[in-house]
């Protein structure tokens, strides 16, 4: 297997809008495990809950923006179905949503979608599968590599699609998170994590390791000490004080930080392809295991609905559903549909 860069070339499309980590960001299942020391999982991972989506009790739909069934934006009482194929939801932007889809001619479009289903194309030539919506919903940040593995970063207004700023970096990298005035970038060859201010052009170094996952809201940053396929480990830090190390693991990688930053969903560090079959919920400080989940297929999108509740796209061997998992139980947050592998992967 070819060893990938620490910062992947671009997220792989997984239908549900999940992003990659090293090549896929995943999601879920449920049962509470006894809390064990973080290092105990290194030699004897605790058993987790086997999740069978079709057999779980039905609960409420997602209370935060989520793509359910591969084609419908769900957000509380809002339901907006998207046409076309290859759909992805970047998130909420004011009273609307930013989403991407593949048209019949095979081209990808980035759209602003209102709760009543009105769609408006954002900008021209913005690749939704290489884009991130800023934490405040005001900016779309797109990352592209050229043949020399240089990175071009472009910042667009999330309402009008107007190009606001752009910059080229001489190494492979990707956006980890952003807000209106700053963009957080992770780079490999050599590993670096940087803040970029699109308004002033100022660059500020955050860490001398490759950042691969971050949350401005939660004040958390995850970096790799080096390529995990070459013995690299995960280090979780405070984003505002990156010298403060909260947890370290050579077995697991971060999939999603909770909104408060106190908990984290992790997957095996060498997860690739469609996604992981197992997931752990840990405390960020010390990495204590709170719960573990397994699924027969793979976990797609992983996110937090609240400080203690996960939303996960669980792909079983036959049925797929968005699942809500609290510390003591799991339920379906969508109807169960037949499991189908993404076309791009199925054809490999």
C-alpha atoms as a PDB file:
ATOM      1  CA  UNK A   1       0.000   0.000   0.000  1.00  0.00           C
ATOM      2  CA  UNK A   2       1.303   3.413  -0.924  1.00  0.00           C
ATOM      3  CA  UNK A   3       1.940   5.575   2.116  1.00  0.00           C
ATOM      4  CA  UNK A   4      -0.236   8.675   1.920  1.00  0.00           C
ATOM      5  CA  UNK A   5       0.769  12.221   2.805  1.00  0.00           C
ATOM      6  CA  UNK A   6      -0.255  13.322   6.275  1.00  0.00           C
ATOM      7  CA  UNK A   7      -2.528  15.844   4.607  1.00  0.00           C
ATOM      8  CA  UNK A   8      -4.606  13.891   2.056  1.00  0.00           C
ATOM      9  CA  UNK A   9      -4.866  15.179  -1.494  1.00  0.00           C
ATOM     10  CA  UNK A  10      -8.575  15.721  -1.105  1.00  0.00           C
ATOM     11  CA  UNK A  11     -11.463  14.253   0.836  1.00  0.00           C
ATOM     12  CA  UNK A  12     -12.918  11.113  -0.701  1.00  0.00           C
ATOM     13  CA  UNK A  13     -16.593  11.303  -1.476  1.00  0.00           C
ATOM     14  CA  UNK A  14     -18.671   8.964   0.621  1.00  0.00           C
ATOM     15  CA  UNK A  15     -22.201   9.927  -0.359  1.00  0.00           C
ATOM     16  CA  UNK A  16     -23.119  11.126   3.118  1.00  0.00           C
ATOM     17  CA  UNK A  17     -20.747  14.041   3.009  1.00  0.00           C
ATOM     18  CA  UNK A  18     -18.199  12.543   5.361  1.00  0.00           C
ATOM     19  CA  UNK A  19     -14.589  13.643   5.052  1.00  0.00           C
ATOM     20  CA  UNK A  20     -11.451  11.559   5.164  1.00  0.00           C
ATOM     21  CA  UNK A  21      -9.096  10.958   8.010  1.00  0.00           C
ATOM     22  CA  UNK A  22      -6.371   9.855   6.688  1.00  0.00           C
ATOM     23  CA  UNK A  23      -8.759   8.986   3.895  1.00  0.00           C
ATOM     24  CA  UNK A  24     -12.148   8.775   5.521  1.00  0.00           C
ATOM     25  CA  UNK A  25     -14.113  10.400   8.305  1.00  0.00           C
ATOM     26  CA  UNK A  26     -16.521   7.991   9.615  1.00  0.00           C
ATOM     27  CA  UNK A  27     -19.279   7.152  12.074  1.00  0.00           C
ATOM     28  CA  UNK A  28     -20.788   4.705  14.614  1.00  0.00           C
ATOM     29  CA  UNK A  29     -22.777   2.449  17.156  1.00  0.00           C
ATOM     30  CA  UNK A  30     -23.411   1.970  20.938  1.00  0.00           C
ATOM     31  CA  UNK A  31     -23.051   0.661  24.558  1.00  0.00           C
ATOM     32  CA  UNK A  32     -21.310   1.975  27.594  1.00  0.00           C
ATOM     33  CA  UNK A  33     -17.982   0.458  28.488  1.00  0.00           C
ATOM     34  CA  UNK A  34     -16.325   0.628  31.824  1.00  0.00           C
ATOM     35  CA  UNK A  35     -13.841   3.478  31.997  1.00  0.00           C
ATOM     36  CA  UNK A  36     -10.324   2.113  31.556  1.00  0.00           C
ATOM     37  CA  UNK A  37      -6.915   3.757  31.408  1.00  0.00           C
ATOM     38  CA  UNK A  38      -6.037   5.012  27.919  1.00  0.00           C
ATOM     39  CA  UNK A  39      -2.967   2.796  27.661  1.00  0.00           C
ATOM     40  CA  UNK A  40      -5.013  -0.325  28.402  1.00  0.00           C
ATOM     41  CA  UNK A  41      -6.627  -0.050  24.973  1.00  0.00           C
ATOM     42  CA  UNK A  42      -3.208  -0.475  23.382  1.00  0.00           C
ATOM     43  CA  UNK A  43      -3.011  -4.177  24.193  1.00  0.00           C
ATOM     44  CA  UNK A  44      -6.595  -5.153  25.024  1.00  0.00           C
ATOM     45  CA  UNK A  45      -9.317  -3.014  23.431  1.00  0.00           C
ATOM     46  CA  UNK A  46     -12.556  -3.324  25.396  1.00  0.00           C
ATOM     47  CA  UNK A  47     -15.605  -4.859  23.696  1.00  0.00           C
ATOM     48  CA  UNK A  48     -18.055  -2.411  22.184  1.00  0.00           C
ATOM     49  CA  UNK A  49     -21.694  -2.427  21.182  1.00  0.00           C
ATOM     50  CA  UNK A  50     -22.458  -4.160  17.889  1.00  0.00           C
ATOM     51  CA  UNK A  51     -24.724  -1.806  16.019  1.00  0.00           C
ATOM     52  CA  UNK A  52     -27.405  -3.176  13.686  1.00  0.00           C
ATOM     53  CA  UNK A  53     -29.136  -0.096  12.250  1.00  0.00           C
ATOM     54  CA  UNK A  54     -32.402  -1.774  11.234  1.00  0.00           C
ATOM     55  CA  UNK A  55     -33.016  -3.197  14.726  1.00  0.00           C
ATOM     56  CA  UNK A  56     -32.528   0.036  16.682  1.00  0.00           C
ATOM     57  CA  UNK A  57     -35.590   1.851  18.048  1.00  0.00           C
ATOM     58  CA  UNK A  58     -36.677   4.927  16.088  1.00  0.00           C
ATOM     59  CA  UNK A  59     -36.002   8.309  17.688  1.00  0.00           C
ATOM     60  CA  UNK A  60     -36.217  11.949  16.667  1.00  0.00           C
ATOM     61  CA  UNK A  61     -34.451  13.186  13.569  1.00  0.00           C
ATOM     62  CA  UNK A  62     -31.144  15.061  13.808  1.00  0.00           C
ATOM     63  CA  UNK A  63     -31.332  18.284  15.796  1.00  0.00           C
ATOM     64  CA  UNK A  64     -28.343  19.730  13.961  1.00  0.00           C
ATOM     65  CA  UNK A  65     -27.816  19.931  10.173  1.00  0.00           C
ATOM     66  CA  UNK A  66     -27.168  16.424   8.829  1.00  0.00           C
ATOM     67  CA  UNK A  67     -27.482  14.613   5.520  1.00  0.00           C
ATOM     68  CA  UNK A  68     -29.792  11.614   6.015  1.00  0.00           C
ATOM     69  CA  UNK A  69     -30.481   8.863   3.512  1.00  0.00           C
ATOM     70  CA  UNK A  70     -27.720  10.279   1.338  1.00  0.00           C
ATOM     71  CA  UNK A  71     -30.021  12.920  -0.179  1.00  0.00           C
ATOM     72  CA  UNK A  72     -31.958  14.913   2.440  1.00  0.00           C
ATOM     73  CA  UNK A  73     -30.844  17.781   4.676  1.00  0.00           C
ATOM     74  CA  UNK A  74     -32.379  17.237   8.115  1.00  0.00           C
ATOM     75  CA  UNK A  75     -32.232  19.900  10.826  1.00  0.00           C
ATOM     76  CA  UNK A  76     -34.895  19.711  13.523  1.00  0.00           C
ATOM     77  CA  UNK A  77     -38.196  20.127  11.684  1.00  0.00           C
ATOM     78  CA  UNK A  78     -36.485  21.093   8.407  1.00  0.00           C
ATOM     79  CA  UNK A  79     -36.306  18.548   5.580  1.00  0.00           C
ATOM     80  CA  UNK A  80     -34.842  19.527   2.211  1.00  0.00           C
ATOM     81  CA  UNK A  81     -34.251  16.909  -0.460  1.00  0.00           C
ATOM     82  CA  UNK A  82     -31.352  17.458  -2.850  1.00  0.00           C
ATOM     83  CA  UNK A  83     -31.434  16.336  -6.508  1.00  0.00           C
ATOM     84  CA  UNK A  84     -28.654  14.663  -8.453  1.00  0.00           C
ATOM     85  CA  UNK A  85     -26.022  12.343  -7.018  1.00  0.00           C
ATOM     86  CA  UNK A  86     -22.877  12.488  -4.918  1.00  0.00           C
ATOM     87  CA  UNK A  87     -24.374  14.877  -2.364  1.00  0.00           C
ATOM     88  CA  UNK A  88     -22.463  16.508   0.468  1.00  0.00           C
ATOM     89  CA  UNK A  89     -23.539  18.882   3.246  1.00  0.00           C
ATOM     90  CA  UNK A  90     -20.943  21.398   4.404  1.00  0.00           C
ATOM     91  CA  UNK A  91     -23.156  22.923   7.104  1.00  0.00           C
ATOM     92  CA  UNK A  92     -25.443  25.775   8.102  1.00  0.00           C
ATOM     93  CA  UNK A  93     -24.870  29.345   6.941  1.00  0.00           C
ATOM     94  CA  UNK A  94     -27.209  31.827   8.577  1.00  0.00           C
ATOM     95  CA  UNK A  95     -30.757  30.696   7.800  1.00  0.00           C
ATOM     96  CA  UNK A  96     -29.622  28.488   4.904  1.00  0.00           C
ATOM     97  CA  UNK A  97     -27.316  25.546   4.189  1.00  0.00           C
ATOM     98  CA  UNK A  98     -24.254  25.082   2.003  1.00  0.00           C
ATOM     99  CA  UNK A  99     -24.293  21.814   0.078  1.00  0.00           C
ATOM    100  CA  UNK A 100     -22.718  20.240  -2.965  1.00  0.00           C
ATOM    101  CA  UNK A 101     -23.950  17.794  -5.567  1.00  0.00           C
ATOM    102  CA  UNK A 102     -22.920  16.199  -8.815  1.00  0.00           C
ATOM    103  CA  UNK A 103     -24.994  17.227 -11.845  1.00  0.00           C
ATOM    104  CA  UNK A 104     -26.084  14.892 -14.656  1.00  0.00           C
ATOM    105  CA  UNK A 105     -23.121  15.984 -16.774  1.00  0.00           C
ATOM    106  CA  UNK A 106     -20.738  14.888 -14.005  1.00  0.00           C
ATOM    107  CA  UNK A 107     -19.758  18.375 -12.858  1.00  0.00           C
ATOM    108  CA  UNK A 108     -19.852  19.249  -9.172  1.00  0.00           C
ATOM    109  CA  UNK A 109     -21.683  22.347  -7.929  1.00  0.00           C
ATOM    110  CA  UNK A 110     -21.670  24.196  -4.617  1.00  0.00           C
ATOM    111  CA  UNK A 111     -25.112  25.470  -3.626  1.00  0.00           C
ATOM    112  CA  UNK A 112     -26.778  27.653  -1.031  1.00  0.00           C
ATOM    113  CA  UNK A 113     -30.039  25.956  -0.070  1.00  0.00           C
ATOM    114  CA  UNK A 114     -32.860  27.547   1.938  1.00  0.00           C
ATOM    115  CA  UNK A 115     -35.275  25.571   4.168  1.00  0.00           C
ATOM    116  CA  UNK A 116     -37.999  25.864   1.516  1.00  0.00           C
ATOM    117  CA  UNK A 117     -35.762  24.108  -1.012  1.00  0.00           C
ATOM    118  CA  UNK A 118     -34.677  27.142  -3.038  1.00  0.00           C
ATOM    119  CA  UNK A 119     -31.197  26.534  -4.472  1.00  0.00           C
ATOM    120  CA  UNK A 120     -28.648  29.086  -5.672  1.00  0.00           C
ATOM    121  CA  UNK A 121     -25.248  28.252  -7.109  1.00  0.00           C
ATOM    122  CA  UNK A 122     -22.301  29.761  -5.251  1.00  0.00           C
ATOM    123  CA  UNK A 123     -19.529  31.183  -7.393  1.00  0.00           C
ATOM    124  CA  UNK A 124     -18.032  29.425 -10.362  1.00  0.00           C
ATOM    125  CA  UNK A 125     -15.784  26.389 -10.279  1.00  0.00           C
ATOM    126  CA  UNK A 126     -15.856  25.854  -6.500  1.00  0.00           C
ATOM    127  CA  UNK A 127     -15.348  22.154  -5.783  1.00  0.00           C
ATOM    128  CA  UNK A 128     -17.631  21.178  -2.870  1.00  0.00           C
ATOM    129  CA  UNK A 129     -15.630  18.021  -2.203  1.00  0.00           C
ATOM    130  CA  UNK A 130     -12.475  20.072  -1.625  1.00  0.00           C
ATOM    131  CA  UNK A 131     -14.193  22.755   0.466  1.00  0.00           C
ATOM    132  CA  UNK A 132     -14.865  23.489   4.134  1.00  0.00           C
ATOM    133  CA  UNK A 133     -17.484  25.818   5.609  1.00  0.00           C
ATOM    134  CA  UNK A 134     -16.107  28.104   8.303  1.00  0.00           C
ATOM    135  CA  UNK A 135     -17.205  27.560  11.892  1.00  0.00           C
ATOM    136  CA  UNK A 136     -19.316  30.744  11.798  1.00  0.00           C
ATOM    137  CA  UNK A 137     -20.931  29.813   8.464  1.00  0.00           C
ATOM    138  CA  UNK A 138     -19.736  32.968   6.669  1.00  0.00           C
ATOM    139  CA  UNK A 139     -16.933  31.600   4.491  1.00  0.00           C
ATOM    140  CA  UNK A 140     -16.254  28.657   2.194  1.00  0.00           C
ATOM    141  CA  UNK A 141     -12.579  27.699   1.974  1.00  0.00           C
ATOM    142  CA  UNK A 142     -11.447  25.540  -0.933  1.00  0.00           C
ATOM    143  CA  UNK A 143      -8.120  23.696  -1.154  1.00  0.00           C
ATOM    144  CA  UNK A 144      -6.603  22.367  -4.375  1.00  0.00           C
ATOM    145  CA  UNK A 145      -3.244  20.861  -5.259  1.00  0.00           C
ATOM    146  CA  UNK A 146      -1.380  21.294  -8.515  1.00  0.00           C
ATOM    147  CA  UNK A 147       0.925  18.749 -10.175  1.00  0.00           C
ATOM    148  CA  UNK A 148       3.853  20.008  -8.126  1.00  0.00           C
ATOM    149  CA  UNK A 149       1.858  19.360  -4.934  1.00  0.00           C
ATOM    150  CA  UNK A 150       1.565  23.034  -4.147  1.00  0.00           C
ATOM    151  CA  UNK A 151      -1.631  24.061  -2.376  1.00  0.00           C
ATOM    152  CA  UNK A 152      -3.954  26.813  -3.568  1.00  0.00           C
ATOM    153  CA  UNK A 153      -6.368  28.049  -0.919  1.00  0.00           C
ATOM    154  CA  UNK A 154      -9.337  30.212  -1.946  1.00  0.00           C
ATOM    155  CA  UNK A 155     -11.812  31.922   0.378  1.00  0.00           C
ATOM    156  CA  UNK A 156     -15.376  32.671  -0.799  1.00  0.00           C
ATOM    157  CA  UNK A 157     -18.308  34.474   0.742  1.00  0.00           C
ATOM    158  CA  UNK A 158     -20.813  31.777   1.798  1.00  0.00           C
ATOM    159  CA  UNK A 159     -23.789  33.954   0.859  1.00  0.00           C
ATOM    160  CA  UNK A 160     -22.791  35.413  -2.521  1.00  0.00           C
ATOM    161  CA  UNK A 161     -19.992  33.066  -3.600  1.00  0.00           C
ATOM    162  CA  UNK A 162     -17.695  36.060  -4.240  1.00  0.00           C
ATOM    163  CA  UNK A 163     -13.958  35.322  -4.132  1.00  0.00           C
ATOM    164  CA  UNK A 164     -12.530  37.173  -1.131  1.00  0.00           C
ATOM    165  CA  UNK A 165      -8.916  35.993  -0.964  1.00  0.00           C
ATOM    166  CA  UNK A 166      -6.509  33.370  -2.259  1.00  0.00           C
ATOM    167  CA  UNK A 167      -2.984  32.199  -1.587  1.00  0.00           C
ATOM    168  CA  UNK A 168      -0.641  29.507  -2.846  1.00  0.00           C
ATOM    169  CA  UNK A 169       1.553  27.452  -0.520  1.00  0.00           C
ATOM    170  CA  UNK A 170       4.574  25.459  -1.709  1.00  0.00           C
ATOM    171  CA  UNK A 171       3.690  22.201   0.073  1.00  0.00           C
ATOM    172  CA  UNK A 172       0.728  19.795   0.289  1.00  0.00           C
ATOM    173  CA  UNK A 173      -1.877  20.836   2.817  1.00  0.00           C
ATOM    174  CA  UNK A 174      -5.559  21.251   3.608  1.00  0.00           C
ATOM    175  CA  UNK A 175      -7.945  23.372   5.644  1.00  0.00           C
ATOM    176  CA  UNK A 176      -8.739  22.118   9.139  1.00  0.00           C
ATOM    177  CA  UNK A 177     -11.186  24.832  10.211  1.00  0.00           C
ATOM    178  CA  UNK A 178     -11.854  28.504   9.569  1.00  0.00           C
ATOM    179  CA  UNK A 179     -13.730  31.556  10.708  1.00  0.00           C
ATOM    180  CA  UNK A 180     -14.384  34.922   9.076  1.00  0.00           C
ATOM    181  CA  UNK A 181     -10.918  36.332   9.755  1.00  0.00           C
ATOM    182  CA  UNK A 182      -8.621  33.288   9.944  1.00  0.00           C
ATOM    183  CA  UNK A 183      -8.004  29.952   8.267  1.00  0.00           C
ATOM    184  CA  UNK A 184      -6.308  27.017  10.021  1.00  0.00           C
ATOM    185  CA  UNK A 185      -4.161  24.888   7.708  1.00  0.00           C
ATOM    186  CA  UNK A 186      -2.317  21.591   8.159  1.00  0.00           C
ATOM    187  CA  UNK A 187       0.716  20.786   5.989  1.00  0.00           C
ATOM    188  CA  UNK A 188       3.048  17.858   5.406  1.00  0.00           C
ATOM    189  CA  UNK A 189       6.582  17.717   3.941  1.00  0.00           C
ATOM    190  CA  UNK A 190       7.523  19.077   6.473  1.00  0.00           C
ATOM    191  CA  UNK A 191       4.733  18.913   9.021  1.00  0.00           C
ATOM    192  CA  UNK A 192       3.303  22.277  10.032  1.00  0.00           C
ATOM    193  CA  UNK A 193       0.058  23.778  11.332  1.00  0.00           C
ATOM    194  CA  UNK A 194      -0.497  27.444  10.463  1.00  0.00           C
ATOM    195  CA  UNK A 195      -2.986  30.260  10.868  1.00  0.00           C
ATOM    196  CA  UNK A 196      -3.537  32.355   7.743  1.00  0.00           C
ATOM    197  CA  UNK A 197      -5.248  35.755   7.912  1.00  0.00           C
ATOM    198  CA  UNK A 198      -6.812  36.286   4.440  1.00  0.00           C
ATOM    199  CA  UNK A 199      -7.285  39.999   5.127  1.00  0.00           C
ATOM    200  CA  UNK A 200      -3.687  40.865   5.975  1.00  0.00           C
ATOM    201  CA  UNK A 201      -1.910  37.846   4.495  1.00  0.00           C
ATOM    202  CA  UNK A 202      -0.197  37.209   7.819  1.00  0.00           C
ATOM    203  CA  UNK A 203       0.978  33.656   8.572  1.00  0.00           C
ATOM    204  CA  UNK A 204       1.329  32.463  12.175  1.00  0.00           C
ATOM    205  CA  UNK A 205       2.813  29.100  13.117  1.00  0.00           C
ATOM    206  CA  UNK A 206       0.751  26.992  15.508  1.00  0.00           C
ATOM    207  CA  UNK A 207       2.736  23.732  15.631  1.00  0.00           C
ATOM    208  CA  UNK A 208       5.693  22.060  13.934  1.00  0.00           C
ATOM    209  CA  UNK A 209       3.596  18.954  13.309  1.00  0.00           C
ATOM    210  CA  UNK A 210       1.000  18.249  10.626  1.00  0.00           C
ATOM    211  CA  UNK A 211      -2.468  19.171  11.841  1.00  0.00           C
ATOM    212  CA  UNK A 212      -5.175  16.820  10.538  1.00  0.00           C
ATOM    213  CA  UNK A 213      -8.279  17.661  12.583  1.00  0.00           C
ATOM    214  CA  UNK A 214      -9.313  20.744  14.554  1.00  0.00           C
ATOM    215  CA  UNK A 215     -12.243  22.609  16.050  1.00  0.00           C
ATOM    216  CA  UNK A 216     -12.064  26.341  16.653  1.00  0.00           C
ATOM    217  CA  UNK A 217     -15.264  26.161  18.684  1.00  0.00           C
ATOM    218  CA  UNK A 218     -13.905  23.434  20.963  1.00  0.00           C
ATOM    219  CA  UNK A 219     -10.372  24.925  21.091  1.00  0.00           C
ATOM    220  CA  UNK A 220      -8.844  21.610  20.029  1.00  0.00           C
ATOM    221  CA  UNK A 221      -6.176  20.557  17.539  1.00  0.00           C
ATOM    222  CA  UNK A 222      -5.013  17.060  16.560  1.00  0.00           C
ATOM    223  CA  UNK A 223      -1.625  16.593  14.893  1.00  0.00           C
ATOM    224  CA  UNK A 224       0.448  13.676  13.677  1.00  0.00           C
ATOM    225  CA  UNK A 225       4.021  13.413  14.921  1.00  0.00           C
ATOM    226  CA  UNK A 226       4.803  11.978  11.474  1.00  0.00           C
ATOM    227  CA  UNK A 227       3.119   9.819   8.845  1.00  0.00           C
ATOM    228  CA  UNK A 228       1.025   7.247  10.782  1.00  0.00           C
ATOM    229  CA  UNK A 229       1.964   4.628   8.170  1.00  0.00           C
ATOM    230  CA  UNK A 230       5.545   5.183   9.309  1.00  0.00           C
ATOM    231  CA  UNK A 231       4.948   4.991  13.056  1.00  0.00           C
ATOM    232  CA  UNK A 232       3.401   8.425  13.575  1.00  0.00           C
ATOM    233  CA  UNK A 233       1.198   9.114  16.593  1.00  0.00           C
ATOM    234  CA  UNK A 234      -1.716  11.425  17.388  1.00  0.00           C
ATOM    235  CA  UNK A 235      -1.226  14.404  19.710  1.00  0.00           C
ATOM    236  CA  UNK A 236      -4.264  16.366  20.924  1.00  0.00           C
ATOM    237  CA  UNK A 237      -3.610  19.961  22.010  1.00  0.00           C
ATOM    238  CA  UNK A 238      -5.388  23.130  22.985  1.00  0.00           C
ATOM    239  CA  UNK A 239      -5.605  25.202  19.826  1.00  0.00           C
ATOM    240  CA  UNK A 240      -5.206  28.441  21.773  1.00  0.00           C
ATOM    241  CA  UNK A 241      -2.203  27.042  23.670  1.00  0.00           C
ATOM    242  CA  UNK A 242      -0.698  24.379  21.376  1.00  0.00           C
ATOM    243  CA  UNK A 243       2.140  23.572  23.751  1.00  0.00           C
ATOM    244  CA  UNK A 244      -0.485  22.140  26.118  1.00  0.00           C
ATOM    245  CA  UNK A 245      -0.782  18.421  25.262  1.00  0.00           C
ATOM    246  CA  UNK A 246      -4.057  16.892  26.461  1.00  0.00           C
ATOM    247  CA  UNK A 247      -3.719  13.344  25.120  1.00  0.00           C
ATOM    248  CA  UNK A 248      -1.454  11.251  22.921  1.00  0.00           C
ATOM    249  CA  UNK A 249      -2.041   7.920  21.158  1.00  0.00           C
ATOM    250  CA  UNK A 250      -0.194   5.785  18.653  1.00  0.00           C
ATOM    251  CA  UNK A 251      -3.274   3.598  18.089  1.00  0.00           C
ATOM    252  CA  UNK A 252      -6.108   6.047  17.424  1.00  0.00           C
ATOM    253  CA  UNK A 253      -6.891   9.155  15.390  1.00  0.00           C
ATOM    254  CA  UNK A 254      -9.436  11.894  16.058  1.00  0.00           C
ATOM    255  CA  UNK A 255     -12.681  11.772  14.088  1.00  0.00           C
ATOM    256  CA  UNK A 256     -14.656  14.505  15.900  1.00  0.00           C
ATOM    257  CA  UNK A 257     -14.338  16.717  18.969  1.00  0.00           C
ATOM    258  CA  UNK A 258     -17.440  17.421  21.042  1.00  0.00           C
ATOM    259  CA  UNK A 259     -18.661  21.057  21.100  1.00  0.00           C
ATOM    260  CA  UNK A 260     -17.165  21.609  24.557  1.00  0.00           C
ATOM    261  CA  UNK A 261     -13.912  19.862  23.667  1.00  0.00           C
ATOM    262  CA  UNK A 262     -14.202  17.538  26.653  1.00  0.00           C
ATOM    263  CA  UNK A 263     -14.900  14.393  24.626  1.00  0.00           C
ATOM    264  CA  UNK A 264     -13.616  13.012  21.375  1.00  0.00           C
ATOM    265  CA  UNK A 265     -14.651  10.260  18.963  1.00  0.00           C
ATOM    266  CA  UNK A 266     -11.662   8.271  17.730  1.00  0.00           C
ATOM    267  CA  UNK A 267     -11.028   5.562  15.136  1.00  0.00           C
ATOM    268  CA  UNK A 268      -8.041   3.275  14.488  1.00  0.00           C
ATOM    269  CA  UNK A 269      -5.144   5.425  13.314  1.00  0.00           C
ATOM    270  CA  UNK A 270      -4.645   3.545  10.026  1.00  0.00           C
ATOM    271  CA  UNK A 271      -8.308   3.785   9.004  1.00  0.00           C
ATOM    272  CA  UNK A 272      -8.575   4.157   5.237  1.00  0.00           C
ATOM    273  CA  UNK A 273     -10.956   3.424   2.398  1.00  0.00           C
ATOM    274  CA  UNK A 274     -14.677   3.487   3.203  1.00  0.00           C
ATOM    275  CA  UNK A 275     -14.195   4.012   6.919  1.00  0.00           C
ATOM    276  CA  UNK A 276     -13.684   2.310  10.253  1.00  0.00           C
ATOM    277  CA  UNK A 277     -15.692  -0.593  11.622  1.00  0.00           C
ATOM    278  CA  UNK A 278     -15.075   0.491  15.214  1.00  0.00           C
ATOM    279  CA  UNK A 279     -15.184   3.758  17.115  1.00  0.00           C
ATOM    280  CA  UNK A 280     -14.391   4.841  20.654  1.00  0.00           C
ATOM    281  CA  UNK A 281     -15.626   7.759  22.739  1.00  0.00           C
ATOM    282  CA  UNK A 282     -12.938   9.133  25.036  1.00  0.00           C
ATOM    283  CA  UNK A 283     -12.269  11.976  27.400  1.00  0.00           C
ATOM    284  CA  UNK A 284      -9.906  14.456  25.779  1.00  0.00           C
ATOM    285  CA  UNK A 285      -7.842  14.865  28.917  1.00  0.00           C
ATOM    286  CA  UNK A 286      -6.093  11.527  29.362  1.00  0.00           C
ATOM    287  CA  UNK A 287      -8.026   9.647  26.688  1.00  0.00           C
ATOM    288  CA  UNK A 288     -10.120   7.514  29.047  1.00  0.00           C
ATOM    289  CA  UNK A 289     -12.513   5.258  27.139  1.00  0.00           C
ATOM    290  CA  UNK A 290     -16.178   5.955  27.882  1.00  0.00           C
ATOM    291  CA  UNK A 291     -17.911   3.903  25.175  1.00  0.00           C
ATOM    292  CA  UNK A 292     -17.176   1.792  22.122  1.00  0.00           C
ATOM    293  CA  UNK A 293     -19.175   0.906  19.009  1.00  0.00           C
ATOM    294  CA  UNK A 294     -18.845  -1.546  16.119  1.00  0.00           C
ATOM    295  CA  UNK A 295     -20.727  -1.981  12.862  1.00  0.00           C
ATOM    296  CA  UNK A 296     -20.763  -4.738  10.257  1.00  0.00           C
ATOM    297  CA  UNK A 297     -19.927  -2.423   7.361  1.00  0.00           C
ATOM    298  CA  UNK A 298     -18.331   0.935   8.057  1.00  0.00           C
ATOM    299  CA  UNK A 299     -18.968   4.245   9.793  1.00  0.00           C
ATOM    300  CA  UNK A 300     -19.505   7.215   7.514  1.00  0.00           C
ATOM    301  CA  UNK A 301     -20.062  10.733   8.863  1.00  0.00           C
ATOM    302  CA  UNK A 302     -19.275  11.273  12.549  1.00  0.00           C
ATOM    303  CA  UNK A 303     -20.373  14.347  14.474  1.00  0.00           C
ATOM    304  CA  UNK A 304     -21.653  15.578  17.805  1.00  0.00           C
ATOM    305  CA  UNK A 305     -25.278  16.607  18.238  1.00  0.00           C
ATOM    306  CA  UNK A 306     -24.534  17.854  21.761  1.00  0.00           C
ATOM    307  CA  UNK A 307     -21.768  17.673  24.350  1.00  0.00           C
ATOM    308  CA  UNK A 308     -22.646  14.035  25.108  1.00  0.00           C
ATOM    309  CA  UNK A 309     -24.563  12.771  22.071  1.00  0.00           C
ATOM    310  CA  UNK A 310     -23.039  11.474  18.846  1.00  0.00           C
ATOM    311  CA  UNK A 311     -24.629  11.363  15.420  1.00  0.00           C
ATOM    312  CA  UNK A 312     -23.204   8.643  13.213  1.00  0.00           C
ATOM    313  CA  UNK A 313     -23.910   7.220   9.784  1.00  0.00           C
ATOM    314  CA  UNK A 314     -23.834   3.491  10.464  1.00  0.00           C
ATOM    315  CA  UNK A 315     -23.487   1.290   7.393  1.00  0.00           C
ATOM    316  CA  UNK A 316     -24.424  -2.253   8.324  1.00  0.00           C
ATOM    317  CA  UNK A 317     -23.942  -5.205   6.005  1.00  0.00           C
ATOM    318  CA  UNK A 318     -27.507  -4.800   4.720  1.00  0.00           C
ATOM    319  CA  UNK A 319     -29.035  -1.610   6.148  1.00  0.00           C
ATOM    320  CA  UNK A 320     -27.758   1.930   6.731  1.00  0.00           C
ATOM    321  CA  UNK A 321     -29.100   4.644   9.045  1.00  0.00           C
ATOM    322  CA  UNK A 322     -28.094   7.788  10.865  1.00  0.00           C
ATOM    323  CA  UNK A 323     -27.797   6.800  14.502  1.00  0.00           C
ATOM    324  CA  UNK A 324     -27.865   8.818  17.708  1.00  0.00           C
ATOM    325  CA  UNK A 325     -25.761   7.435  20.533  1.00  0.00           C
ATOM    326  CA  UNK A 326     -25.864   8.808  24.063  1.00  0.00           C
ATOM    327  CA  UNK A 327     -23.735   7.330  26.847  1.00  0.00           C
ATOM    328  CA  UNK A 328     -26.280   4.613  27.703  1.00  0.00           C
ATOM    329  CA  UNK A 329     -28.235   3.877  24.522  1.00  0.00           C
ATOM    330  CA  UNK A 330     -28.477   4.258  20.749  1.00  0.00           C
ATOM    331  CA  UNK A 331     -31.466   4.907  18.487  1.00  0.00           C
ATOM    332  CA  UNK A 332     -32.143   5.605  14.833  1.00  0.00           C
ATOM    333  CA  UNK A 333     -32.316   9.276  13.850  1.00  0.00           C
ATOM    334  CA  UNK A 334     -33.379   8.354  10.303  1.00  0.00           C
ATOM    335  CA  UNK A 335     -35.096   5.517   8.515  1.00  0.00           C
ATOM    336  CA  UNK A 336     -32.974   2.526   7.563  1.00  0.00           C
ATOM    337  CA  UNK A 337     -32.151   2.194   3.864  1.00  0.00           C
ATOM    338  CA  UNK A 338     -30.277  -0.495   1.905  1.00  0.00           C
ATOM    339  CA  UNK A 339     -26.509  -0.297   2.286  1.00  0.00           C
ATOM    340  CA  UNK A 340     -24.724   0.624  -0.932  1.00  0.00           C
ATOM    341  CA  UNK A 341     -21.028   1.320  -1.351  1.00  0.00           C
ATOM    342  CA  UNK A 342     -20.099   4.635  -2.983  1.00  0.00           C
ATOM    343  CA  UNK A 343     -19.783   4.241  -6.718  1.00  0.00           C
ATOM    344  CA  UNK A 344     -16.221   5.567  -6.773  1.00  0.00           C
ATOM    345  CA  UNK A 345     -15.179   2.870  -4.318  1.00  0.00           C
ATOM    346  CA  UNK A 346     -17.333   0.054  -5.670  1.00  0.00           C
ATOM    347  CA  UNK A 347     -15.756   0.445  -9.102  1.00  0.00           C
ATOM    348  CA  UNK A 348     -12.182   0.176  -7.819  1.00  0.00           C
END
